Amino acid sequence: MNGSTSGSAIFSQPFLGGNYGKVVIYLNSLNGTATYTFLASFQHAPAALGPQAAAATAISTTSVTGSGTTGFLFLEGF
């Protein structure tokens, strides 16, 4: 997915639903924002983890918006 200004974000949701969910995001020189709608919703908004956790500017049970950086961002929850 392209950023709103430039760069891109690559999203993966390797664990879907049940008692645990995880989303892995690689922000590739992301300028502006990129929003990802989860393939499977979380029961509660997941926690942002990893070296770029602050890049998650908005997190809900159904989506995340990331902003301006390079590196990995992880979301985990249930």
Protein backbone atom coordinates (compact mmCIF):
# COMPACT_ATOMS: atom_id res chain seq x y z
CA MET A 1 0.00 0.00 0.00
CA ASN A 2 1.38 3.42 -0.91
CA GLY A 3 1.71 6.23 1.61
CA SER A 4 -0.48 9.31 1.17
CA THR A 5 2.61 11.35 0.18
CA SER A 6 5.29 8.78 -0.77
CA GLY A 7 6.84 5.50 0.33
CA SER A 8 4.82 2.42 1.19
CA ALA A 9 3.69 0.02 3.89
CA ILE A 10 3.57 -3.78 3.64
CA PHE A 11 0.96 -5.45 5.85
CA SER A 12 0.63 -9.08 6.93
CA GLN A 13 -1.77 -10.71 9.38
CA PRO A 14 -0.15 -14.09 10.15
CA PHE A 15 -2.52 -14.95 13.04
CA LEU A 16 -6.25 -14.44 12.52
CA GLY A 17 -9.00 -14.45 15.12
CA GLY A 18 -9.48 -16.85 17.99
CA ASN A 19 -7.72 -16.02 21.24
CA TYR A 20 -4.75 -14.27 19.62
CA GLY A 21 -4.13 -11.98 16.68
CA LYS A 22 -0.98 -10.47 15.22
CA VAL A 23 -0.32 -7.95 12.46
CA VAL A 24 3.17 -7.31 11.08
CA ILE A 25 3.79 -4.05 9.21
CA TYR A 26 6.93 -2.92 7.40
CA LEU A 27 7.00 0.83 6.85
CA ASN A 28 9.18 1.52 3.81
CA SER A 29 10.16 5.22 3.86
CA LEU A 30 6.51 6.00 4.53
CA ASN A 31 5.67 9.68 4.16
CA GLY A 32 2.16 10.68 5.08
CA THR A 33 -0.12 7.88 6.23
CA ALA A 34 -1.30 4.41 5.22
CA THR A 35 -4.35 2.62 6.68
CA TYR A 36 -4.85 -1.15 6.85
CA THR A 37 -8.18 -2.83 7.59
CA PHE A 38 -7.63 -6.11 9.45
CA LEU A 39 -8.68 -9.36 7.77
CA ALA A 40 -10.12 -10.50 11.12
CA SER A 41 -11.21 -7.98 13.76
CA PHE A 42 -9.79 -7.93 17.27
CA GLN A 43 -12.11 -8.04 20.32
CA HIS A 44 -10.08 -5.19 21.87
CA ALA A 45 -7.77 -2.70 20.16
CA PRO A 46 -4.35 -4.41 19.86
CA ALA A 47 -1.13 -3.06 21.38
CA ALA A 48 1.55 -1.51 19.17
CA LEU A 49 4.95 -3.09 19.78
CA GLY A 50 8.44 -2.95 18.33
CA PRO A 51 10.94 -0.28 17.36
CA GLN A 52 8.38 1.76 15.39
CA ALA A 53 5.44 1.47 17.80
CA ALA A 54 4.98 5.24 17.89
CA ALA A 55 4.29 5.17 14.14
CA ALA A 56 0.83 3.68 14.82
CA THR A 57 -1.15 6.91 14.90
CA ALA A 58 -4.61 5.34 15.19
CA ILE A 59 -5.50 1.79 16.27
CA SER A 60 -9.00 0.30 16.54
CA THR A 61 -10.41 -3.22 16.61
CA THR A 62 -10.74 -3.16 12.82
CA SER A 63 -7.86 -1.05 11.44
CA VAL A 64 -4.55 0.71 11.99
CA THR A 65 -3.10 3.88 10.50
CA GLY A 66 0.67 4.26 10.36
CA SER A 67 2.66 7.40 9.70
CA GLY A 68 6.06 8.53 8.49
CA THR A 69 9.01 6.23 9.18
CA THR A 70 10.98 3.15 8.10
CA GLY A 71 11.02 -0.12 10.03
CA PHE A 72 8.84 -2.78 11.61
CA LEU A 73 5.66 -2.26 13.58
CA PHE A 74 3.87 -5.15 15.32
CA LEU A 75 0.31 -5.26 16.64
CA GLU A 76 -0.76 -7.99 19.05
CA GLY A 77 -3.94 -8.67 20.97
CA PHE A 78 -7.15 -10.66 21.12
